[in-house]
Amino acid sequence: MTLSYALLQRTNQLRACRCPQCGGSGMLRLADQRYRTCLDCLGQGRVMPAELRGQPAVVISVSASSAAR
């Protein structure tokens, strides 16, 4: 399995996580003419898979320099 194939396969898995609350539309119907943004997916229609929740998406290492004093 090549790296690009593995990356493509993982990307497809992440795309497949449709929001269960709104069904992927990003909007929730409150009444006949009332809608609101789904707060579970923030209106994107997709949620992170359970195995990735709680893990930082980007880790940034910061160290103070001597000029910061």
N, C-alpha and C. Protein backbone atom coordinates (compact mmCIF):
# COMPACT_ATOMS: atom_id res chain seq x y z
N MET A 1 0.86 -1.17 0.00
CA MET A 1 0.00 0.00 0.00
C MET A 1 0.91 1.24 0.00
N THR A 2 0.69 2.11 -0.94
CA THR A 2 1.49 3.32 -1.02
C THR A 2 0.94 4.36 -0.06
N LEU A 3 1.78 5.35 0.22
CA LEU A 3 1.39 6.41 1.15
C LEU A 3 0.21 7.20 0.61
N SER A 4 0.21 7.50 -0.68
CA SER A 4 -0.89 8.28 -1.25
C SER A 4 -2.20 7.50 -1.20
N TYR A 5 -2.16 6.20 -1.41
CA TYR A 5 -3.36 5.39 -1.33
C TYR A 5 -3.89 5.36 0.10
N ALA A 6 -3.00 5.21 1.07
CA ALA A 6 -3.40 5.19 2.48
C ALA A 6 -3.99 6.53 2.88
N LEU A 7 -3.40 7.61 2.42
CA LEU A 7 -3.91 8.94 2.72
C LEU A 7 -5.29 9.15 2.10
N LEU A 8 -5.47 8.71 0.88
CA LEU A 8 -6.76 8.82 0.21
C LEU A 8 -7.82 8.00 0.93
N GLN A 9 -7.45 6.81 1.36
CA GLN A 9 -8.38 5.95 2.07
C GLN A 9 -8.79 6.58 3.40
N ARG A 10 -7.84 7.16 4.13
CA ARG A 10 -8.12 7.80 5.40
C ARG A 10 -8.99 9.05 5.20
N THR A 11 -8.73 9.80 4.14
CA THR A 11 -9.52 10.99 3.84
C THR A 11 -10.96 10.60 3.56
N ASN A 12 -11.17 9.52 2.83
CA ASN A 12 -12.52 9.05 2.55
C ASN A 12 -13.23 8.61 3.82
N GLN A 13 -12.51 8.02 4.76
CA GLN A 13 -13.12 7.63 6.03
C GLN A 13 -13.56 8.87 6.81
N LEU A 14 -12.75 9.91 6.80
CA LEU A 14 -13.10 11.13 7.52
C LEU A 14 -14.30 11.82 6.89
N ARG A 15 -14.38 11.79 5.58
CA ARG A 15 -15.52 12.41 4.89
C ARG A 15 -16.82 11.67 5.17
N ALA A 16 -16.71 10.39 5.46
CA ALA A 16 -17.90 9.56 5.63
C ALA A 16 -18.60 9.78 6.97
N CYS A 17 -18.05 10.62 7.84
CA CYS A 17 -18.63 10.83 9.17
C CYS A 17 -19.66 11.95 9.12
N ARG A 18 -20.82 11.62 8.61
CA ARG A 18 -21.91 12.59 8.52
C ARG A 18 -22.46 12.85 9.91
N CYS A 19 -22.85 14.08 10.17
CA CYS A 19 -23.39 14.47 11.47
C CYS A 19 -24.70 13.74 11.72
N PRO A 20 -24.81 13.01 12.84
CA PRO A 20 -26.05 12.29 13.12
C PRO A 20 -27.18 13.21 13.57
N GLN A 21 -26.85 14.40 14.05
CA GLN A 21 -27.87 15.32 14.55
C GLN A 21 -28.66 15.95 13.41
N CYS A 22 -27.96 16.46 12.39
CA CYS A 22 -28.63 17.17 11.29
C CYS A 22 -28.70 16.35 10.01
N GLY A 23 -28.07 15.18 9.99
CA GLY A 23 -28.09 14.34 8.80
C GLY A 23 -27.16 14.81 7.69
N GLY A 24 -26.28 15.75 8.01
CA GLY A 24 -25.32 16.23 7.02
C GLY A 24 -25.70 17.54 6.37
N SER A 25 -26.85 18.08 6.71
CA SER A 25 -27.27 19.35 6.09
C SER A 25 -26.66 20.56 6.78
N GLY A 26 -26.32 20.41 8.06
CA GLY A 26 -25.78 21.53 8.81
C GLY A 26 -26.85 22.42 9.42
N MET A 27 -28.11 22.13 9.13
CA MET A 27 -29.22 22.93 9.64
C MET A 27 -30.23 22.03 10.37
N LEU A 28 -30.83 22.58 11.41
CA LEU A 28 -31.87 21.87 12.15
C LEU A 28 -33.18 22.63 11.99
N ARG A 29 -34.23 21.91 11.72
CA ARG A 29 -35.55 22.54 11.60
C ARG A 29 -36.19 22.60 12.98
N LEU A 30 -36.56 23.80 13.40
CA LEU A 30 -37.21 23.98 14.69
C LEU A 30 -38.72 23.99 14.56
N ALA A 31 -39.23 24.63 13.53
CA ALA A 31 -40.67 24.71 13.27
C ALA A 31 -40.85 24.74 11.75
N ASP A 32 -42.05 25.05 11.30
CA ASP A 32 -42.33 25.06 9.88
C ASP A 32 -41.41 25.98 9.09
N GLN A 33 -41.18 27.19 9.57
CA GLN A 33 -40.33 28.15 8.88
C GLN A 33 -39.14 28.59 9.72
N ARG A 34 -38.76 27.82 10.73
CA ARG A 34 -37.65 28.19 11.61
C ARG A 34 -36.54 27.15 11.53
N TYR A 35 -35.33 27.62 11.27
CA TYR A 35 -34.15 26.77 11.20
C TYR A 35 -33.06 27.36 12.06
N ARG A 36 -32.10 26.52 12.44
CA ARG A 36 -30.91 27.04 13.10
C ARG A 36 -29.73 26.16 12.71
N THR A 37 -28.55 26.71 12.90
CA THR A 37 -27.32 25.98 12.60
C THR A 37 -27.14 24.84 13.59
N CYS A 38 -26.75 23.70 13.10
CA CYS A 38 -26.47 22.56 13.96
C CYS A 38 -25.20 22.85 14.75
N LEU A 39 -25.28 22.76 16.06
CA LEU A 39 -24.13 23.07 16.90
C LEU A 39 -23.19 21.87 17.06
N ASP A 40 -23.66 20.68 16.75
CA ASP A 40 -22.78 19.51 16.83
C ASP A 40 -21.70 19.55 15.76
N CYS A 41 -22.06 19.99 14.56
CA CYS A 41 -21.09 20.04 13.46
C CYS A 41 -20.77 21.48 13.04
N LEU A 42 -21.34 22.45 13.75
CA LEU A 42 -21.14 23.88 13.45
C LEU A 42 -21.53 24.22 12.02
N GLY A 43 -22.59 23.59 11.53
CA GLY A 43 -23.12 23.89 10.22
C GLY A 43 -22.35 23.29 9.06
N GLN A 44 -21.36 22.43 9.36
CA GLN A 44 -20.54 21.83 8.30
C GLN A 44 -21.12 20.51 7.79
N GLY A 45 -21.96 19.86 8.57
CA GLY A 45 -22.55 18.60 8.15
C GLY A 45 -21.69 17.39 8.40
N ARG A 46 -20.49 17.59 8.89
CA ARG A 46 -19.56 16.49 9.17
C ARG A 46 -19.04 16.61 10.59
N VAL A 47 -18.82 15.48 11.24
CA VAL A 47 -18.23 15.45 12.57
C VAL A 47 -16.99 14.59 12.54
N MET A 48 -16.10 14.82 13.49
CA MET A 48 -14.89 14.01 13.58
C MET A 48 -15.24 12.60 14.03
N PRO A 49 -14.53 11.61 13.53
CA PRO A 49 -14.77 10.24 13.99
C PRO A 49 -14.46 10.14 15.48
N ALA A 50 -15.08 9.19 16.15
CA ALA A 50 -14.94 9.04 17.59
C ALA A 50 -13.49 8.80 17.99
N GLU A 51 -12.71 8.12 17.16
CA GLU A 51 -11.33 7.82 17.54
C GLU A 51 -10.43 9.06 17.49
N LEU A 52 -10.87 10.12 16.81
CA LEU A 52 -10.07 11.34 16.73
C LEU A 52 -10.53 12.42 17.69
N ARG A 53 -11.70 12.28 18.29
CA ARG A 53 -12.21 13.30 19.20
C ARG A 53 -11.33 13.38 20.43
N GLY A 54 -11.08 14.58 20.89
CA GLY A 54 -10.27 14.79 22.08
C GLY A 54 -8.79 14.85 21.81
N GLN A 55 -8.38 14.55 20.60
CA GLN A 55 -6.97 14.64 20.25
C GLN A 55 -6.73 15.98 19.57
N PRO A 56 -5.63 16.64 19.87
CA PRO A 56 -5.36 17.92 19.22
C PRO A 56 -5.12 17.74 17.73
N ALA A 57 -5.70 18.62 16.94
CA ALA A 57 -5.53 18.54 15.50
C ALA A 57 -4.13 18.98 15.09
N VAL A 58 -3.62 20.00 15.75
CA VAL A 58 -2.28 20.51 15.45
C VAL A 58 -1.56 20.73 16.77
N VAL A 59 -0.35 20.24 16.86
CA VAL A 59 0.45 20.45 18.06
C VAL A 59 1.51 21.48 17.73
N ILE A 60 1.53 22.55 18.51
CA ILE A 60 2.49 23.63 18.29
C ILE A 60 3.41 23.68 19.51
N SER A 61 4.69 23.62 19.25
CA SER A 61 5.67 23.72 20.32
C SER A 61 6.17 25.16 20.37
N VAL A 62 6.11 25.75 21.55
CA VAL A 62 6.52 27.15 21.70
C VAL A 62 7.55 27.22 22.81
N SER A 63 8.62 27.92 22.53
CA SER A 63 9.62 28.15 23.57
C SER A 63 9.95 29.64 23.58
N ALA A 64 10.17 30.16 24.76
CA ALA A 64 10.49 31.58 24.89
C ALA A 64 11.92 31.83 24.48
N SER A 65 12.12 32.90 23.76
CA SER A 65 13.49 33.27 23.38
C SER A 65 14.06 34.23 24.40
N SER A 66 15.33 34.46 24.33
CA SER A 66 15.98 35.38 25.28
C SER A 66 15.55 36.81 25.02
N ALA A 67 15.07 37.12 23.83
CA ALA A 67 14.63 38.47 23.49
C ALA A 67 13.25 38.77 24.08
N ALA A 68 12.54 37.76 24.58
CA ALA A 68 11.20 37.95 25.09
C ALA A 68 11.18 38.48 26.52
N ARG A 69 12.34 38.61 27.14
CA ARG A 69 12.39 39.06 28.54
C ARG A 69 12.13 40.50 28.68
